[in-house]
Amino acid sequence: MNSIQEFWKLLLEHFEKTNSEFTFNHWIKPAEPIRIEQNILYIKVPSKTFARYWQDNLIRDIMEIGYDYFRQSFEPRFINSEDEGPVNTLFHQGVEEIQPNIPETPTMVAIEEDSHLNPKYTFETFIIGKGNQMATAAAHYVADNPGNTYNPLFFYGGVGLGKTHLMQAIGNKYKKSHPNARVKYVTSEEFMNEMIASIGSKTPQEFRNRYRNVDILLVDDIQFLAKKEATQEEFFHTFNALFNNQKQIVLTSDRQPTEIKELQERLVSRFVSGLSVDITPPDLETRIAILQNKA
């Protein structure tokens, strides 16, 4: 049994466990792998309807399991049995595969879109205490000097300690002093979902432009990238594109980078290369101030 057959057997075993008997027998079993050539996995399906079903429902698992098995990313491409022609092209992973003749710079595409920042999350509304003093000082510095010393800036700590507030305060302060700046706030889960959606809509380059052409990228709950190999691969290249252009990256997590299990070592290495600051529970005085501020 060759590698593609072994991979396909593994994939079918997964789909059989995670789908109903009807779905597996009707939608999944009729498909068959043809070959892998130049990082493209050709999959033969009975019709365009089947291709659309695979594209809408199964792409994420193909990418994740495929990356785990082959240790490299590939592009699934469906071949329609009705006309023997490819019915869709999904996307390649990796910076080197993104239209190499076009320089990847912040001026490549002008993007005007909602930054998803909560205007209430500012430094003025953030209560400072002993548990967040260092984090607050670092946040102020980054808001005034993005892409400089503390890049990436990594906040970690328990739920409800103000990591999201402080992160967005950076974006709001920078936007106030630089109205035309491109600041993007997103959770890691939203990043993954947008990536998957871009596959279905065949717009991977638009997805990449949204994230690789910003001045400040704020990613919340980065720990949810654990086990998601294909998403980690995409984020790795997004991180590199921004860092190499001296654009600021701010991340939050419920634990420090080295404690996030099943996160690629190269991502851990990049996350700890800047400044990691823990935010601890507030003392009594700070808790009282927070309650008074909310009243």
Foldseek 3Di string as FASTA:
>chain_A
DDLQVVLVVVLLVVCPVVDDPCCSVPQNVQKDWDDADPQETEIEDAAVVSVLCCLVPPVLVCQLSVCVRPVAHGWYWYAHPVVRHTPDTFDHFDPCPDPVVDDQDLVSDQDDDDQPFDLVLAPVLDQDFPQCPVVLVVLVVCLVPPLPAFAAEEEAAAPPLCLSSSLSNSVNSNCVVVVSFFHHEEELVVLVVVCSVCRSVVNNVVSLSNQLNGQEYEYEAPLVCASSVSSLRRVLNSSVSCSVNSGYYYYYHNDQLVPRPRRDPVVSVNSVPGHYGYGYDGDPVSVVVNVVSVD
